[in-house]
Amino acid sequence: MIYGDCEESYNNLSRWLFAIQMYLSGTWVQVVIQPWPASADTVMFHRVFWTFFLCVETFEHCKPLISIDGIHLYGKYGGTLLTAIAQDGNSNILPITFAVVEDETKEARSFFLSYLKQHVTP
């Protein structure tokens, strides 16, 4: 309850992501919104992808293998948190990228992999 309820957290999402980009140089965030079904004048959150510059820079020194996993988010809004991780020479795990998507669909995976390729493994 310190951070409010789910609705309040979702309403503050864009502000949090903007703050991350402002204070963590090189952080890259892509938010996808879509029209609200009940109102053409309103938009709603659909997907978000983000990565931190230091994680991408460190990945260059890791084993050339990326593991991707998803975990279902429960609660009012649901969704899936996708993560890409790598492993360094000492078998330490490094998170590289993150995304919150609607579900583990073909379109959601394509969204995640396209930004992963663009920003981590060009």
PDB file of N, CA and C in Angstrom:
ATOM      1  N   MET A   1       0.821  -1.202   0.000  1.00  0.00           N
ATOM      2  CA  MET A   1       0.000   0.000   0.000  1.00  0.00           C
ATOM      3  C   MET A   1       0.861   1.261   0.000  1.00  0.00           C
ATOM      4  N   ILE A   2       2.151   1.139   0.271  1.00  0.00           N
ATOM      5  CA  ILE A   2       3.041   2.297   0.260  1.00  0.00           C
ATOM      6  C   ILE A   2       3.015   2.978  -1.102  1.00  0.00           C
ATOM      7  N   TYR A   3       2.960   2.186  -2.174  1.00  0.00           N
ATOM      8  CA  TYR A   3       3.028   2.722  -3.525  1.00  0.00           C
ATOM      9  C   TYR A   3       1.649   2.882  -4.179  1.00  0.00           C
ATOM     10  N   GLY A   4       0.584   2.692  -3.423  1.00  0.00           N
ATOM     11  CA  GLY A   4      -0.757   2.830  -3.984  1.00  0.00           C
ATOM     12  C   GLY A   4      -1.268   1.517  -4.537  1.00  0.00           C
ATOM     13  N   ASP A   5      -2.439   1.572  -5.147  1.00  0.00           N
ATOM     14  CA  ASP A   5      -3.041   0.367  -5.701  1.00  0.00           C
ATOM     15  C   ASP A   5      -2.604   0.170  -7.158  1.00  0.00           C
ATOM     16  N   CYS A   6      -3.103  -0.897  -7.787  1.00  0.00           N
ATOM     17  CA  CYS A   6      -2.718  -1.227  -9.170  1.00  0.00           C
ATOM     18  C   CYS A   6      -3.078  -0.104 -10.134  1.00  0.00           C
ATOM     19  N   GLU A   7      -4.256   0.451 -10.005  1.00  0.00           N
ATOM     20  CA  GLU A   7      -4.689   1.498 -10.924  1.00  0.00           C
ATOM     21  C   GLU A   7      -3.793   2.731 -10.819  1.00  0.00           C
ATOM     22  N   GLU A   8      -3.465   3.118  -9.592  1.00  0.00           N
ATOM     23  CA  GLU A   8      -2.582   4.266  -9.386  1.00  0.00           C
ATOM     24  C   GLU A   8      -1.190   3.999  -9.955  1.00  0.00           C
ATOM     25  N   SER A   9      -0.696   2.777  -9.789  1.00  0.00           N
ATOM     26  CA  SER A   9       0.616   2.422 -10.321  1.00  0.00           C
ATOM     27  C   SER A   9       0.632   2.479 -11.841  1.00  0.00           C
ATOM     28  N   TYR A  10      -0.406   1.950 -12.480  1.00  0.00           N
ATOM     29  CA  TYR A  10      -0.474   2.005 -13.940  1.00  0.00           C
ATOM     30  C   TYR A  10      -0.582   3.443 -14.428  1.00  0.00           C
ATOM     31  N   ASN A  11      -1.296   4.280 -13.687  1.00  0.00           N
ATOM     32  CA  ASN A  11      -1.430   5.681 -14.079  1.00  0.00           C
ATOM     33  C   ASN A  11      -0.102   6.422 -13.975  1.00  0.00           C
ATOM     34  N   ASN A  12       0.789   5.971 -13.103  1.00  0.00           N
ATOM     35  CA  ASN A  12       2.088   6.618 -12.924  1.00  0.00           C
ATOM     36  C   ASN A  12       3.190   5.998 -13.772  1.00  0.00           C
ATOM     37  N   LEU A  13       2.871   4.977 -14.540  1.00  0.00           N
ATOM     38  CA  LEU A  13       3.881   4.245 -15.301  1.00  0.00           C
ATOM     39  C   LEU A  13       4.680   5.147 -16.234  1.00  0.00           C
ATOM     40  N   SER A  14       4.014   5.971 -17.006  1.00  0.00           N
ATOM     41  CA  SER A  14       4.752   6.810 -17.960  1.00  0.00           C
ATOM     42  C   SER A  14       5.676   7.789 -17.243  1.00  0.00           C
ATOM     43  N   ARG A  15       5.262   8.292 -16.085  1.00  0.00           N
ATOM     44  CA  ARG A  15       6.105   9.210 -15.321  1.00  0.00           C
ATOM     45  C   ARG A  15       7.352   8.490 -14.790  1.00  0.00           C
ATOM     46  N   TRP A  16       7.182   7.257 -14.311  1.00  0.00           N
ATOM     47  CA  TRP A  16       8.317   6.476 -13.812  1.00  0.00           C
ATOM     48  C   TRP A  16       9.294   6.175 -14.946  1.00  0.00           C
ATOM     49  N   LEU A  17       8.774   5.783 -16.102  1.00  0.00           N
ATOM     50  CA  LEU A  17       9.647   5.469 -17.231  1.00  0.00           C
ATOM     51  C   LEU A  17      10.391   6.702 -17.729  1.00  0.00           C
ATOM     52  N   PHE A  18       9.724   7.838 -17.745  1.00  0.00           N
ATOM     53  CA  PHE A  18      10.378   9.088 -18.136  1.00  0.00           C
ATOM     54  C   PHE A  18      11.500   9.427 -17.152  1.00  0.00           C
ATOM     55  N   ALA A  19      11.249   9.238 -15.861  1.00  0.00           N
ATOM     56  CA  ALA A  19      12.266   9.521 -14.844  1.00  0.00           C
ATOM     57  C   ALA A  19      13.480   8.606 -15.015  1.00  0.00           C
ATOM     58  N   ILE A  20      13.238   7.343 -15.325  1.00  0.00           N
ATOM     59  CA  ILE A  20      14.343   6.410 -15.548  1.00  0.00           C
ATOM     60  C   ILE A  20      15.209   6.890 -16.706  1.00  0.00           C
ATOM     61  N   GLN A  21      14.571   7.308 -17.798  1.00  0.00           N
ATOM     62  CA  GLN A  21      15.330   7.783 -18.954  1.00  0.00           C
ATOM     63  C   GLN A  21      16.104   9.061 -18.636  1.00  0.00           C
ATOM     64  N   MET A  22      15.537   9.932 -17.839  1.00  0.00           N
ATOM     65  CA  MET A  22      16.186  11.193 -17.513  1.00  0.00           C
ATOM     66  C   MET A  22      17.414  11.000 -16.623  1.00  0.00           C
ATOM     67  N   TYR A  23      17.341  10.076 -15.666  1.00  0.00           N
ATOM     68  CA  TYR A  23      18.393   9.954 -14.667  1.00  0.00           C
ATOM     69  C   TYR A  23      19.368   8.807 -14.909  1.00  0.00           C
ATOM     70  N   LEU A  24      19.026   7.884 -15.786  1.00  0.00           N
ATOM     71  CA  LEU A  24      19.933   6.796 -16.132  1.00  0.00           C
ATOM     72  C   LEU A  24      20.278   6.929 -17.610  1.00  0.00           C
ATOM     73  N   SER A  25      21.315   7.657 -17.884  1.00  0.00           N
ATOM     74  CA  SER A  25      21.715   7.963 -19.246  1.00  0.00           C
ATOM     75  C   SER A  25      21.866   6.689 -20.080  1.00  0.00           C
ATOM     76  N   GLY A  26      21.338   6.714 -21.282  1.00  0.00           N
ATOM     77  CA  GLY A  26      21.432   5.578 -22.182  1.00  0.00           C
ATOM     78  C   GLY A  26      20.315   4.566 -22.046  1.00  0.00           C
ATOM     79  N   THR A  27      19.445   4.745 -21.064  1.00  0.00           N
ATOM     80  CA  THR A  27      18.297   3.849 -20.910  1.00  0.00           C
ATOM     81  C   THR A  27      17.358   4.063 -22.080  1.00  0.00           C
ATOM     82  N   TRP A  28      16.840   2.978 -22.624  1.00  0.00           N
ATOM     83  CA  TRP A  28      15.932   3.087 -23.764  1.00  0.00           C
ATOM     84  C   TRP A  28      14.595   2.467 -23.389  1.00  0.00           C
ATOM     85  N   VAL A  29      13.516   3.211 -23.601  1.00  0.00           N
ATOM     86  CA  VAL A  29      12.160   2.766 -23.261  1.00  0.00           C
ATOM     87  C   VAL A  29      11.264   2.969 -24.468  1.00  0.00           C
ATOM     88  N   GLN A  30      10.444   1.972 -24.751  1.00  0.00           N
ATOM     89  CA  GLN A  30       9.427   2.095 -25.802  1.00  0.00           C
ATOM     90  C   GLN A  30       8.081   1.691 -25.207  1.00  0.00           C
ATOM     91  N   VAL A  31       7.166   2.637 -25.131  1.00  0.00           N
ATOM     92  CA  VAL A  31       5.819   2.376 -24.635  1.00  0.00           C
ATOM     93  C   VAL A  31       4.876   2.346 -25.825  1.00  0.00           C
ATOM     94  N   VAL A  32       4.025   1.345 -25.871  1.00  0.00           N
ATOM     95  CA  VAL A  32       3.022   1.230 -26.926  1.00  0.00           C
ATOM     96  C   VAL A  32       1.653   1.415 -26.275  1.00  0.00           C
ATOM     97  N   ILE A  33       0.884   2.331 -26.831  1.00  0.00           N
ATOM     98  CA  ILE A  33      -0.471   2.562 -26.350  1.00  0.00           C
ATOM     99  C   ILE A  33      -1.447   2.198 -27.456  1.00  0.00           C
ATOM    100  N   GLN A  34      -2.698   2.029 -27.094  1.00  0.00           N
ATOM    101  CA  GLN A  34      -3.736   1.733 -28.073  1.00  0.00           C
ATOM    102  C   GLN A  34      -5.011   2.445 -27.669  1.00  0.00           C
ATOM    103  N   PRO A  35      -5.934   2.639 -28.609  1.00  0.00           N
ATOM    104  CA  PRO A  35      -7.179   3.327 -28.270  1.00  0.00           C
ATOM    105  C   PRO A  35      -7.997   2.522 -27.263  1.00  0.00           C
ATOM    106  N   TRP A  36      -8.647   3.213 -26.358  1.00  0.00           N
ATOM    107  CA  TRP A  36      -9.546   2.587 -25.391  1.00  0.00           C
ATOM    108  C   TRP A  36     -10.784   2.144 -26.158  1.00  0.00           C
ATOM    109  N   PRO A  37     -11.218   0.898 -26.010  1.00  0.00           N
ATOM    110  CA  PRO A  37     -12.351   0.405 -26.808  1.00  0.00           C
ATOM    111  C   PRO A  37     -13.653   1.192 -26.617  1.00  0.00           C
ATOM    112  N   ALA A  38     -13.859   1.723 -25.422  1.00  0.00           N
ATOM    113  CA  ALA A  38     -15.124   2.402 -25.139  1.00  0.00           C
ATOM    114  C   ALA A  38     -15.118   3.871 -25.554  1.00  0.00           C
ATOM    115  N   SER A  39     -13.946   4.434 -25.827  1.00  0.00           N
ATOM    116  CA  SER A  39     -13.870   5.852 -26.147  1.00  0.00           C
ATOM    117  C   SER A  39     -12.732   6.109 -27.135  1.00  0.00           C
ATOM    118  N   ALA A  40     -13.059   6.743 -28.255  1.00  0.00           N
ATOM    119  CA  ALA A  40     -12.039   7.027 -29.264  1.00  0.00           C
ATOM    120  C   ALA A  40     -11.061   8.108 -28.813  1.00  0.00           C
ATOM    121  N   ASP A  41     -11.434   8.912 -27.812  1.00  0.00           N
ATOM    122  CA  ASP A  41     -10.584  10.003 -27.335  1.00  0.00           C
ATOM    123  C   ASP A  41      -9.582   9.569 -26.275  1.00  0.00           C
ATOM    124  N   THR A  42      -9.682   8.327 -25.804  1.00  0.00           N
ATOM    125  CA  THR A  42      -8.851   7.860 -24.699  1.00  0.00           C
ATOM    126  C   THR A  42      -7.931   6.747 -25.184  1.00  0.00           C
ATOM    127  N   VAL A  43      -6.702   6.738 -24.664  1.00  0.00           N
ATOM    128  CA  VAL A  43      -5.755   5.668 -24.980  1.00  0.00           C
ATOM    129  C   VAL A  43      -5.417   4.904 -23.715  1.00  0.00           C
ATOM    130  N   MET A  44      -4.935   3.684 -23.897  1.00  0.00           N
ATOM    131  CA  MET A  44      -4.550   2.868 -22.747  1.00  0.00           C
ATOM    132  C   MET A  44      -3.209   2.197 -23.023  1.00  0.00           C
ATOM    133  N   PHE A  45      -2.546   1.818 -21.961  1.00  0.00           N
ATOM    134  CA  PHE A  45      -1.268   1.113 -22.027  1.00  0.00           C
ATOM    135  C   PHE A  45      -1.464  -0.240 -22.705  1.00  0.00           C
ATOM    136  N   HIS A  46      -0.524  -0.584 -23.578  1.00  0.00           N
ATOM    137  CA  HIS A  46      -0.591  -1.884 -24.250  1.00  0.00           C
ATOM    138  C   HIS A  46       0.657  -2.717 -23.956  1.00  0.00           C
ATOM    139  N   ARG A  47       1.849  -2.144 -24.229  1.00  0.00           N
ATOM    140  CA  ARG A  47       3.106  -2.857 -24.014  1.00  0.00           C
ATOM    141  C   ARG A  47       4.198  -1.857 -23.667  1.00  0.00           C
ATOM    142  N   VAL A  48       5.243  -2.346 -23.024  1.00  0.00           N
ATOM    143  CA  VAL A  48       6.419  -1.511 -22.775  1.00  0.00           C
ATOM    144  C   VAL A  48       7.666  -2.395 -22.836  1.00  0.00           C
ATOM    145  N   PHE A  49       8.725  -1.845 -23.400  1.00  0.00           N
ATOM    146  CA  PHE A  49      10.022  -2.502 -23.487  1.00  0.00           C
ATOM    147  C   PHE A  49      11.046  -1.538 -22.921  1.00  0.00           C
ATOM    148  N   TRP A  50      11.996  -2.028 -22.125  1.00  0.00           N
ATOM    149  CA  TRP A  50      13.063  -1.149 -21.660  1.00  0.00           C
ATOM    150  C   TRP A  50      14.350  -1.932 -21.456  1.00  0.00           C
ATOM    151  N   THR A  51      15.451  -1.198 -21.586  1.00  0.00           N
ATOM    152  CA  THR A  51      16.770  -1.751 -21.350  1.00  0.00           C
ATOM    153  C   THR A  51      17.667  -0.646 -20.802  1.00  0.00           C
ATOM    154  N   PHE A  52      18.621  -1.033 -19.994  1.00  0.00           N
ATOM    155  CA  PHE A  52      19.553  -0.092 -19.391  1.00  0.00           C
ATOM    156  C   PHE A  52      20.881  -0.146 -20.146  1.00  0.00           C
ATOM    157  N   PHE A  53      21.471   0.999 -20.381  1.00  0.00           N
ATOM    158  CA  PHE A  53      22.721   1.100 -21.138  1.00  0.00           C
ATOM    159  C   PHE A  53      23.808   0.203 -20.551  1.00  0.00           C
ATOM    160  N   LEU A  54      23.973   0.193 -19.241  1.00  0.00           N
ATOM    161  CA  LEU A  54      25.035  -0.608 -18.624  1.00  0.00           C
ATOM    162  C   LEU A  54      24.829  -2.100 -18.850  1.00  0.00           C
ATOM    163  N   CYS A  55      23.583  -2.535 -18.888  1.00  0.00           N
ATOM    164  CA  CYS A  55      23.316  -3.952 -19.153  1.00  0.00           C
ATOM    165  C   CYS A  55      23.704  -4.311 -20.584  1.00  0.00           C
ATOM    166  N   VAL A  56      23.370  -3.436 -21.523  1.00  0.00           N
ATOM    167  CA  VAL A  56      23.722  -3.679 -22.922  1.00  0.00           C
ATOM    168  C   VAL A  56      25.236  -3.654 -23.099  1.00  0.00           C
ATOM    169  N   GLU A  57      25.887  -2.699 -22.478  1.00  0.00           N
ATOM    170  CA  GLU A  57      27.343  -2.589 -22.576  1.00  0.00           C
ATOM    171  C   GLU A  57      28.027  -3.814 -21.963  1.00  0.00           C
ATOM    172  N   THR A  58      27.527  -4.283 -20.847  1.00  0.00           N
ATOM    173  CA  THR A  58      28.110  -5.446 -20.179  1.00  0.00           C
ATOM    174  C   THR A  58      27.879  -6.719 -20.980  1.00  0.00           C
ATOM    175  N   PHE A  59      26.753  -6.792 -21.695  1.00  0.00           N
ATOM    176  CA  PHE A  59      26.446  -7.983 -22.498  1.00  0.00           C
ATOM    177  C   PHE A  59      27.545  -8.274 -23.510  1.00  0.00           C
ATOM    178  N   GLU A  60      28.231  -7.244 -23.980  1.00  0.00           N
ATOM    179  CA  GLU A  60      29.315  -7.439 -24.945  1.00  0.00           C
ATOM    180  C   GLU A  60      30.430  -8.325 -24.398  1.00  0.00           C
ATOM    181  N   HIS A  61      30.510  -8.464 -23.074  1.00  0.00           N
ATOM    182  CA  HIS A  61      31.558  -9.262 -22.431  1.00  0.00           C
ATOM    183  C   HIS A  61      31.023 -10.589 -21.899  1.00  0.00           C
ATOM    184  N   CYS A  62      29.798 -10.938 -22.281  1.00  0.00           N
ATOM    185  CA  CYS A  62      29.178 -12.184 -21.822  1.00  0.00           C
ATOM    186  C   CYS A  62      29.275 -13.258 -22.892  1.00  0.00           C
ATOM    187  N   LYS A  63      28.882 -14.458 -22.505  1.00  0.00           N
ATOM    188  CA  LYS A  63      28.797 -15.550 -23.477  1.00  0.00           C
ATOM    189  C   LYS A  63      27.763 -15.164 -24.533  1.00  0.00           C
ATOM    190  N   PRO A  64      27.981 -15.516 -25.791  1.00  0.00           N
ATOM    191  CA  PRO A  64      27.068 -15.096 -26.872  1.00  0.00           C
ATOM    192  C   PRO A  64      25.792 -15.932 -26.920  1.00  0.00           C
ATOM    193  N   LEU A  65      25.069 -15.954 -25.810  1.00  0.00           N
ATOM    194  CA  LEU A  65      23.826 -16.700 -25.714  1.00  0.00           C
ATOM    195  C   LEU A  65      22.849 -15.899 -24.867  1.00  0.00           C
ATOM    196  N   ILE A  66      21.640 -15.748 -25.334  1.00  0.00           N
ATOM    197  CA  ILE A  66      20.605 -15.016 -24.593  1.00  0.00           C
ATOM    198  C   ILE A  66      19.486 -15.983 -24.254  1.00  0.00           C
ATOM    199  N   SER A  67      19.063 -15.980 -23.000  1.00  0.00           N
ATOM    200  CA  SER A  67      17.909 -16.770 -22.562  1.00  0.00           C
ATOM    201  C   SER A  67      16.740 -15.826 -22.349  1.00  0.00           C
ATOM    202  N   ILE A  68      15.571 -16.244 -22.794  1.00  0.00           N
ATOM    203  CA  ILE A  68      14.374 -15.419 -22.666  1.00  0.00           C
ATOM    204  C   ILE A  68      13.337 -16.196 -21.886  1.00  0.00           C
ATOM    205  N   ASP A  69      12.708 -15.519 -20.942  1.00  0.00           N
ATOM    206  CA  ASP A  69      11.674 -16.167 -20.137  1.00  0.00           C
ATOM    207  C   ASP A  69      10.569 -15.173 -19.852  1.00  0.00           C
ATOM    208  N   GLY A  70       9.412 -15.695 -19.548  1.00  0.00           N
ATOM    209  CA  GLY A  70       8.281 -14.851 -19.200  1.00  0.00           C
ATOM    210  C   GLY A  70       7.646 -15.329 -17.916  1.00  0.00           C
ATOM    211  N   ILE A  71       7.116 -14.395 -17.165  1.00  0.00           N
ATOM    212  CA  ILE A  71       6.393 -14.726 -15.942  1.00  0.00           C
ATOM    213  C   ILE A  71       5.061 -13.998 -15.973  1.00  0.00           C
ATOM    214  N   HIS A  72       4.010 -14.719 -15.648  1.00  0.00           N
ATOM    215  CA  HIS A  72       2.673 -14.134 -15.687  1.00  0.00           C
ATOM    216  C   HIS A  72       2.483 -13.194 -14.502  1.00  0.00           C
ATOM    217  N   LEU A  73       1.902 -12.053 -14.778  1.00  0.00           N
ATOM    218  CA  LEU A  73       1.593 -11.077 -13.747  1.00  0.00           C
ATOM    219  C   LEU A  73       0.127 -11.252 -13.360  1.00  0.00           C
ATOM    220  N   TYR A  74      -0.141 -11.342 -12.082  1.00  0.00           N
ATOM    221  CA  TYR A  74      -1.503 -11.551 -11.624  1.00  0.00           C
ATOM    222  C   TYR A  74      -2.033 -10.276 -11.003  1.00  0.00           C
ATOM    223  N   GLY A  75      -3.312 -10.174 -10.888  1.00  0.00           N
ATOM    224  CA  GLY A  75      -3.935  -8.985 -10.335  1.00  0.00           C
ATOM    225  C   GLY A  75      -4.948  -8.430 -11.317  1.00  0.00           C
ATOM    226  N   LYS A  76      -5.315  -7.209 -11.112  1.00  0.00           N
ATOM    227  CA  LYS A  76      -6.362  -6.582 -11.912  1.00  0.00           C
ATOM    228  C   LYS A  76      -5.994  -6.507 -13.394  1.00  0.00           C
ATOM    229  N   TYR A  77      -4.743  -6.208 -13.721  1.00  0.00           N
ATOM    230  CA  TYR A  77      -4.361  -5.966 -15.097  1.00  0.00           C
ATOM    231  C   TYR A  77      -3.696  -7.153 -15.781  1.00  0.00           C
ATOM    232  N   GLY A  78      -3.091  -8.035 -15.040  1.00  0.00           N
ATOM    233  CA  GLY A  78      -2.459  -9.203 -15.633  1.00  0.00           C
ATOM    234  C   GLY A  78      -1.305  -8.840 -16.543  1.00  0.00           C
ATOM    235  N   GLY A  79      -1.069  -9.682 -17.529  1.00  0.00           N
ATOM    236  CA  GLY A  79       0.023  -9.466 -18.463  1.00  0.00           C
ATOM    237  C   GLY A  79       1.158 -10.437 -18.204  1.00  0.00           C
ATOM    238  N   THR A  80       2.243 -10.227 -18.901  1.00  0.00           N
ATOM    239  CA  THR A  80       3.421 -11.076 -18.784  1.00  0.00           C
ATOM    240  C   THR A  80       4.664 -10.194 -18.774  1.00  0.00           C
ATOM    241  N   LEU A  81       5.578 -10.480 -17.867  1.00  0.00           N
ATOM    242  CA  LEU A  81       6.877  -9.814 -17.826  1.00  0.00           C
ATOM    243  C   LEU A  81       7.865 -10.702 -18.568  1.00  0.00           C
ATOM    244  N   LEU A  82       8.400 -10.195 -19.668  1.00  0.00           N
ATOM    245  CA  LEU A  82       9.414 -10.920 -20.429  1.00  0.00           C
ATOM    246  C   LEU A  82      10.791 -10.362 -20.072  1.00  0.00           C
ATOM    247  N   THR A  83      11.764 -11.246 -19.923  1.00  0.00           N
ATOM    248  CA  THR A  83      13.132 -10.817 -19.636  1.00  0.00           C
ATOM    249  C   THR A  83      14.101 -11.578 -20.533  1.00  0.00           C
ATOM    250  N   ALA A  84      15.169 -10.910 -20.896  1.00  0.00           N
ATOM    251  CA  ALA A  84      16.272 -11.547 -21.611  1.00  0.00           C
ATOM    252  C   ALA A  84      17.477 -11.476 -20.688  1.00  0.00           C
ATOM    253  N   ILE A  85      18.150 -12.604 -20.518  1.00  0.00           N
ATOM    254  CA  ILE A  85      19.315 -12.645 -19.635  1.00  0.00           C
ATOM    255  C   ILE A  85      20.489 -13.273 -20.366  1.00  0.00           C
ATOM    256  N   ALA A  86      21.677 -12.968 -19.872  1.00  0.00           N
ATOM    257  CA  ALA A  86      22.911 -13.557 -20.400  1.00  0.00           C
ATOM    258  C   ALA A  86      23.745 -14.029 -19.216  1.00  0.00           C
ATOM    259  N   GLN A  87      24.835 -14.691 -19.528  1.00  0.00           N
ATOM    260  CA  GLN A  87      25.714 -15.225 -18.491  1.00  0.00           C
ATOM    261  C   GLN A  87      27.150 -14.817 -18.819  1.00  0.00           C
ATOM    262  N   ASP A  88      27.853 -14.330 -17.794  1.00  0.00           N
ATOM    263  CA  ASP A  88      29.246 -13.948 -18.031  1.00  0.00           C
ATOM    264  C   ASP A  88      30.162 -15.161 -17.886  1.00  0.00           C
ATOM    265  N   GLY A  89      31.462 -14.953 -17.997  1.00  0.00           N
ATOM    266  CA  GLY A  89      32.430 -16.040 -17.921  1.00  0.00           C
ATOM    267  C   GLY A  89      32.478 -16.738 -16.578  1.00  0.00           C
ATOM    268  N   ASN A  90      32.018 -16.093 -15.523  1.00  0.00           N
ATOM    269  CA  ASN A  90      31.997 -16.686 -14.185  1.00  0.00           C
ATOM    270  C   ASN A  90      30.637 -17.280 -13.850  1.00  0.00           C
ATOM    271  N   SER A  91      29.776 -17.425 -14.832  1.00  0.00           N
ATOM    272  CA  SER A  91      28.417 -17.974 -14.696  1.00  0.00           C
ATOM    273  C   SER A  91      27.497 -17.082 -13.876  1.00  0.00           C
ATOM    274  N   ASN A  92      27.813 -15.789 -13.797  1.00  0.00           N
ATOM    275  CA  ASN A  92      26.896 -14.832 -13.172  1.00  0.00           C
ATOM    276  C   ASN A  92      25.824 -14.450 -14.184  1.00  0.00           C
ATOM    277  N   ILE A  93      24.612 -14.267 -13.710  1.00  0.00           N
ATOM    278  CA  ILE A  93      23.489 -13.944 -14.593  1.00  0.00           C
ATOM    279  C   ILE A  93      23.328 -12.440 -14.685  1.00  0.00           C
ATOM    280  N   LEU A  94      23.144 -11.946 -15.914  1.00  0.00           N
ATOM    281  CA  LEU A  94      22.958 -10.528 -16.180  1.00  0.00           C
ATOM    282  C   LEU A  94      21.619 -10.314 -16.877  1.00  0.00           C
ATOM    283  N   PRO A  95      20.696  -9.580 -16.259  1.00  0.00           N
ATOM    284  CA  PRO A  95      19.475  -9.224 -16.986  1.00  0.00           C
ATOM    285  C   PRO A  95      19.807  -8.165 -18.023  1.00  0.00           C
ATOM    286  N   ILE A  96      19.259  -8.300 -19.223  1.00  0.00           N
ATOM    287  CA  ILE A  96      19.588  -7.377 -20.305  1.00  0.00           C
ATOM    288  C   ILE A  96      18.412  -6.470 -20.646  1.00  0.00           C
ATOM    289  N   THR A  97      17.274  -7.071 -20.937  1.00  0.00           N
ATOM    290  CA  THR A  97      16.099  -6.297 -21.328  1.00  0.00           C
ATOM    291  C   THR A  97      14.866  -6.814 -20.614  1.00  0.00           C
ATOM    292  N   PHE A  98      13.837  -5.958 -20.611  1.00  0.00           N
ATOM    293  CA  PHE A  98      12.580  -6.288 -19.948  1.00  0.00           C
ATOM    294  C   PHE A  98      11.427  -5.784 -20.801  1.00  0.00           C
ATOM    295  N   ALA A  99      10.285  -6.430 -20.672  1.00  0.00           N
ATOM    296  CA  ALA A  99       9.079  -5.949 -21.344  1.00  0.00           C
ATOM    297  C   ALA A  99       7.873  -6.433 -20.558  1.00  0.00           C
ATOM    298  N   VAL A 100       6.842  -5.616 -20.538  1.00  0.00           N
ATOM    299  CA  VAL A 100       5.546  -6.033 -20.024  1.00  0.00           C
ATOM    300  C   VAL A 100       4.616  -6.043 -21.225  1.00  0.00           C
ATOM    301  N   VAL A 101       4.057  -7.208 -21.500  1.00  0.00           N
ATOM    302  CA  VAL A 101       3.176  -7.391 -22.648  1.00  0.00           C
ATOM    303  C   VAL A 101       1.864  -8.008 -22.170  1.00  0.00           C
ATOM    304  N   GLU A 102       0.895  -8.047 -23.073  1.00  0.00           N
ATOM    305  CA  GLU A 102      -0.426  -8.533 -22.705  1.00  0.00           C
ATOM    306  C   GLU A 102      -0.451 -10.028 -22.399  1.00  0.00           C
ATOM    307  N   ASP A 103       0.349 -10.808 -23.107  1.00  0.00           N
ATOM    308  CA  ASP A 103       0.413 -12.253 -22.907  1.00  0.00           C
ATOM    309  C   ASP A 103       1.570 -12.781 -23.752  1.00  0.00           C
ATOM    310  N   GLU A 104       1.886 -14.047 -23.633  1.00  0.00           N
ATOM    311  CA  GLU A 104       2.962 -14.624 -24.438  1.00  0.00           C
ATOM    312  C   GLU A 104       2.407 -15.033 -25.804  1.00  0.00           C
ATOM    313  N   THR A 105       2.055 -14.050 -26.593  1.00  0.00           N
ATOM    314  CA  THR A 105       1.530 -14.276 -27.930  1.00  0.00           C
ATOM    315  C   THR A 105       2.655 -14.125 -28.953  1.00  0.00           C
ATOM    316  N   LYS A 106       2.379 -14.539 -30.169  1.00  0.00           N
ATOM    317  CA  LYS A 106       3.350 -14.393 -31.249  1.00  0.00           C
ATOM    318  C   LYS A 106       3.689 -12.919 -31.458  1.00  0.00           C
ATOM    319  N   GLU A 107       2.689 -12.047 -31.437  1.00  0.00           N
ATOM    320  CA  GLU A 107       2.900 -10.613 -31.638  1.00  0.00           C
ATOM    321  C   GLU A 107       3.725 -10.010 -30.502  1.00  0.00           C
ATOM    322  N   ALA A 108       3.453 -10.418 -29.262  1.00  0.00           N
ATOM    323  CA  ALA A 108       4.195  -9.908 -28.111  1.00  0.00           C
ATOM    324  C   ALA A 108       5.656 -10.349 -28.170  1.00  0.00           C
ATOM    325  N   ARG A 109       5.889 -11.613 -28.511  1.00  0.00           N
ATOM    326  CA  ARG A 109       7.263 -12.097 -28.626  1.00  0.00           C
ATOM    327  C   ARG A 109       8.001 -11.385 -29.758  1.00  0.00           C
ATOM    328  N   SER A 110       7.312 -11.156 -30.857  1.00  0.00           N
ATOM    329  CA  SER A 110       7.915 -10.440 -31.986  1.00  0.00           C
ATOM    330  C   SER A 110       8.294  -9.017 -31.583  1.00  0.00           C
ATOM    331  N   PHE A 111       7.416  -8.346 -30.840  1.00  0.00           N
ATOM    332  CA  PHE A 111       7.678  -7.004 -30.308  1.00  0.00           C
ATOM    333  C   PHE A 111       8.953  -7.031 -29.470  1.00  0.00           C
ATOM    334  N   PHE A 112       9.039  -7.973 -28.540  1.00  0.00           N
ATOM    335  CA  PHE A 112      10.177  -8.086 -27.636  1.00  0.00           C
ATOM    336  C   PHE A 112      11.462  -8.390 -28.403  1.00  0.00           C
ATOM    337  N   LEU A 113      11.421  -9.368 -29.280  1.00  0.00           N
ATOM    338  CA  LEU A 113      12.626  -9.778 -30.009  1.00  0.00           C
ATOM    339  C   LEU A 113      13.112  -8.711 -30.983  1.00  0.00           C
ATOM    340  N   SER A 114      12.200  -7.966 -31.580  1.00  0.00           N
ATOM    341  CA  SER A 114      12.636  -6.923 -32.515  1.00  0.00           C
ATOM    342  C   SER A 114      13.405  -5.817 -31.802  1.00  0.00           C
ATOM    343  N   TYR A 115      12.926  -5.401 -30.617  1.00  0.00           N
ATOM    344  CA  TYR A 115      13.653  -4.380 -29.864  1.00  0.00           C
ATOM    345  C   TYR A 115      14.929  -4.938 -29.244  1.00  0.00           C
ATOM    346  N   LEU A 116      14.914  -6.193 -28.853  1.00  0.00           N
ATOM    347  CA  LEU A 116      16.129  -6.841 -28.343  1.00  0.00           C
ATOM    348  C   LEU A 116      17.205  -6.845 -29.436  1.00  0.00           C
ATOM    349  N   LYS A 117      16.820  -7.222 -30.626  1.00  0.00           N
ATOM    350  CA  LYS A 117      17.775  -7.237 -31.743  1.00  0.00           C
ATOM    351  C   LYS A 117      18.267  -5.835 -32.063  1.00  0.00           C
ATOM    352  N   GLN A 118      17.368  -4.869 -32.068  1.00  0.00           N
ATOM    353  CA  GLN A 118      17.715  -3.507 -32.432  1.00  0.00           C
ATOM    354  C   GLN A 118      18.651  -2.846 -31.423  1.00  0.00           C
ATOM    355  N   HIS A 119      18.424  -3.074 -30.128  1.00  0.00           N
ATOM    356  CA  HIS A 119      19.165  -2.329 -29.111  1.00  0.00           C
ATOM    357  C   HIS A 119      20.253  -3.113 -28.403  1.00  0.00           C
ATOM    358  N   VAL A 120      20.248  -4.427 -28.519  1.00  0.00           N
ATOM    359  CA  VAL A 120      21.256  -5.221 -27.796  1.00  0.00           C
ATOM    360  C   VAL A 120      22.186  -5.940 -28.760  1.00  0.00           C
ATOM    361  N   THR A 121      21.656  -6.507 -29.830  1.00  0.00           N
ATOM    362  CA  THR A 121      22.474  -7.320 -30.730  1.00  0.00           C
ATOM    363  C   THR A 121      22.360  -6.833 -32.180  1.00  0.00           C
ATOM    364  N   PRO A 122      22.698  -5.569 -32.430  1.00  0.00           N
ATOM    365  CA  PRO A 122      22.568  -5.086 -33.815  1.00  0.00           C
ATOM    366  C   PRO A 122      23.550  -5.759 -34.747  1.00  0.00           C
TER     367      PRO A 122
END
